[in-house]
Every structure is written in C-alpha cells, then in structure tokens.
Amino acid sequence: MFIDTISARVFPIALIIEGGRKTERIIESCEHCNAEGVEMPFDNILDRVIGSDPSAKDYIIDTPVKCVRRGAEINEKTFVGPA
C-alpha cells in the first residue's frame, strides 16, 4: 500500500504478474504508434479485465506488455486503443 502523507489517503496497489500479457490481445495500438487513435490509459483496460473500480488502486506490472503493432513497451499509464 502507498500512503499519501499530504492528504492521508491510502491507495492499494495491484501487482499484475503475467496478467498484463493476456491484455495484449485486447489492445489494438498505443500512443507510440497511433497518437490520434488511442482512447484510454492501459490501467483502464486492466480495470475492465479485472472488474475493478478505477479509482481504488494503482497497478505495478512486473512483465512488460508490448504493443501488437510495433512492439513498444506499454506501462500502466500508456494510452492505448482497445481492439
């Protein structure tokens, strides 16, 4: 857990182990290869896949996720276009 000492809020952190790899199938492009066609940050895709409240946590991805178009590395805040 991460504690924001300024506002004293607690943010749970979800560690994604290999789960991020499965989401590559539902990503069409990323901000690196399609700057105008991306719609949302990758963590929103993870929230949809996991069924989680987007405001409830941050993600740490242990295995790099790659864009299917050009192979650029995608982190939790990279904007992506869903397939």
C-alpha atoms as a PDB file:
ATOM      1  CA  MET A   1       0.000   0.000   0.000  1.00  0.00           C
ATOM      2  CA  PHE A   2       1.044   3.539  -0.693  1.00  0.00           C
ATOM      3  CA  ILE A   3       0.119   6.247   1.803  1.00  0.00           C
ATOM      4  CA  ASP A   4      -0.219   9.805   0.543  1.00  0.00           C
ATOM      5  CA  THR A   5       1.021  11.681   3.606  1.00  0.00           C
ATOM      6  CA  ILE A   6      -0.277  15.040   2.409  1.00  0.00           C
ATOM      7  CA  SER A   7      -3.919  14.019   2.311  1.00  0.00           C
ATOM      8  CA  ALA A   8      -3.585  10.855   4.449  1.00  0.00           C
ATOM      9  CA  ARG A   9      -5.289   8.742   1.790  1.00  0.00           C
ATOM     10  CA  VAL A  10      -4.382   5.076   1.339  1.00  0.00           C
ATOM     11  CA  PHE A  11      -4.033   3.661  -2.177  1.00  0.00           C
ATOM     12  CA  PRO A  12      -3.954  -0.111  -2.648  1.00  0.00           C
ATOM     13  CA  ILE A  13      -1.555  -1.251  -5.359  1.00  0.00           C
ATOM     14  CA  ALA A  14      -2.309  -4.278  -7.524  1.00  0.00           C
ATOM     15  CA  LEU A  15       0.745  -6.174  -8.746  1.00  0.00           C
ATOM     16  CA  ILE A  16      -0.018  -7.722 -12.110  1.00  0.00           C
ATOM     17  CA  ILE A  17       2.052 -10.848 -12.719  1.00  0.00           C
ATOM     18  CA  GLU A  18       1.715 -12.137 -16.272  1.00  0.00           C
ATOM     19  CA  GLY A  19      -1.896 -10.890 -16.306  1.00  0.00           C
ATOM     20  CA  GLY A  20      -0.785  -7.889 -18.300  1.00  0.00           C
ATOM     21  CA  ARG A  21       0.358 -10.200 -21.086  1.00  0.00           C
ATOM     22  CA  LYS A  22      -3.181 -11.510 -21.551  1.00  0.00           C
ATOM     23  CA  THR A  23      -4.414  -7.981 -22.130  1.00  0.00           C
ATOM     24  CA  GLU A  24      -2.148  -7.561 -25.165  1.00  0.00           C
ATOM     25  CA  ARG A  25      -4.855  -9.348 -27.145  1.00  0.00           C
ATOM     26  CA  ILE A  26      -7.339  -6.571 -26.494  1.00  0.00           C
ATOM     27  CA  ILE A  27      -5.026  -3.691 -27.385  1.00  0.00           C
ATOM     28  CA  GLU A  28      -5.046  -2.507 -30.974  1.00  0.00           C
ATOM     29  CA  SER A  29      -2.435   0.248 -30.721  1.00  0.00           C
ATOM     30  CA  CYS A  30      -0.609   2.543 -28.325  1.00  0.00           C
ATOM     31  CA  GLU A  31       0.323   6.218 -28.099  1.00  0.00           C
ATOM     32  CA  HIS A  32       3.724   5.442 -29.642  1.00  0.00           C
ATOM     33  CA  CYS A  33       2.356   4.097 -32.926  1.00  0.00           C
ATOM     34  CA  ASN A  34      -1.078   5.725 -33.158  1.00  0.00           C
ATOM     35  CA  ALA A  35      -1.117   9.014 -31.250  1.00  0.00           C
ATOM     36  CA  GLU A  36      -4.537  10.080 -32.519  1.00  0.00           C
ATOM     37  CA  GLY A  37      -6.306   6.730 -32.280  1.00  0.00           C
ATOM     38  CA  VAL A  38      -5.746   5.954 -28.613  1.00  0.00           C
ATOM     39  CA  GLU A  39      -8.567   6.382 -26.146  1.00  0.00           C
ATOM     40  CA  MET A  40      -7.573   5.473 -22.605  1.00  0.00           C
ATOM     41  CA  PRO A  41      -4.678   4.618 -20.303  1.00  0.00           C
ATOM     42  CA  PHE A  42      -3.733   0.946 -20.125  1.00  0.00           C
ATOM     43  CA  ASP A  43      -4.746   0.790 -16.458  1.00  0.00           C
ATOM     44  CA  ASN A  44      -8.366   1.408 -17.557  1.00  0.00           C
ATOM     45  CA  ILE A  45      -8.117  -1.735 -19.700  1.00  0.00           C
ATOM     46  CA  LEU A  46      -6.785  -3.629 -16.674  1.00  0.00           C
ATOM     47  CA  ASP A  47      -9.712  -2.345 -14.579  1.00  0.00           C
ATOM     48  CA  ARG A  48     -12.153  -3.667 -17.189  1.00  0.00           C
ATOM     49  CA  VAL A  49     -10.440  -7.056 -17.425  1.00  0.00           C
ATOM     50  CA  ILE A  50     -10.221  -7.464 -13.661  1.00  0.00           C
ATOM     51  CA  GLY A  51     -13.591  -5.833 -12.966  1.00  0.00           C
ATOM     52  CA  SER A  52     -12.105  -3.310 -10.576  1.00  0.00           C
ATOM     53  CA  ASP A  53     -13.009   0.222  -9.515  1.00  0.00           C
ATOM     54  CA  PRO A  54     -10.572   2.515 -11.382  1.00  0.00           C
ATOM     55  CA  SER A  55     -10.301   4.991  -8.518  1.00  0.00           C
ATOM     56  CA  ALA A  56      -9.424   2.338  -5.964  1.00  0.00           C
ATOM     57  CA  LYS A  57      -5.869   1.405  -6.925  1.00  0.00           C
ATOM     58  CA  ASP A  58      -2.736   1.808  -8.961  1.00  0.00           C
ATOM     59  CA  TYR A  59      -1.015  -1.001 -10.851  1.00  0.00           C
ATOM     60  CA  ILE A  60       2.549  -2.259 -10.973  1.00  0.00           C
ATOM     61  CA  ILE A  61       3.209  -4.573 -13.915  1.00  0.00           C
ATOM     62  CA  ASP A  62       6.137  -6.935 -13.441  1.00  0.00           C
ATOM     63  CA  THR A  63       6.310  -8.240 -17.018  1.00  0.00           C
ATOM     64  CA  PRO A  64       6.491  -5.675 -19.825  1.00  0.00           C
ATOM     65  CA  VAL A  65       3.453  -5.541 -22.075  1.00  0.00           C
ATOM     66  CA  LYS A  66       4.175  -4.905 -25.756  1.00  0.00           C
ATOM     67  CA  CYS A  67       2.093  -3.090 -28.338  1.00  0.00           C
ATOM     68  CA  VAL A  68       0.920  -5.527 -31.004  1.00  0.00           C
ATOM     69  CA  ARG A  69       1.661  -3.068 -33.825  1.00  0.00           C
ATOM     70  CA  ARG A  70       5.290  -2.101 -33.248  1.00  0.00           C
ATOM     71  CA  GLY A  71       6.325  -3.806 -30.050  1.00  0.00           C
ATOM     72  CA  ALA A  72       6.673  -0.623 -27.997  1.00  0.00           C
ATOM     73  CA  GLU A  73       6.618  -1.190 -24.263  1.00  0.00           C
ATOM     74  CA  ILE A  74       3.340  -0.295 -22.570  1.00  0.00           C
ATOM     75  CA  ASN A  75       3.163   0.647 -18.922  1.00  0.00           C
ATOM     76  CA  GLU A  76       0.084   1.216 -16.793  1.00  0.00           C
ATOM     77  CA  LYS A  77      -0.237   4.890 -17.835  1.00  0.00           C
ATOM     78  CA  THR A  78       0.431   4.482 -21.581  1.00  0.00           C
ATOM     79  CA  PHE A  79      -2.585   5.474 -23.654  1.00  0.00           C
ATOM     80  CA  VAL A  80      -3.887   2.622 -25.787  1.00  0.00           C
ATOM     81  CA  GLY A  81      -6.643   1.907 -28.276  1.00  0.00           C
ATOM     82  CA  PRO A  82      -8.746  -1.136 -27.432  1.00  0.00           C
ATOM     83  CA  ALA A  83      -9.301  -3.770 -30.109  1.00  0.00           C
END
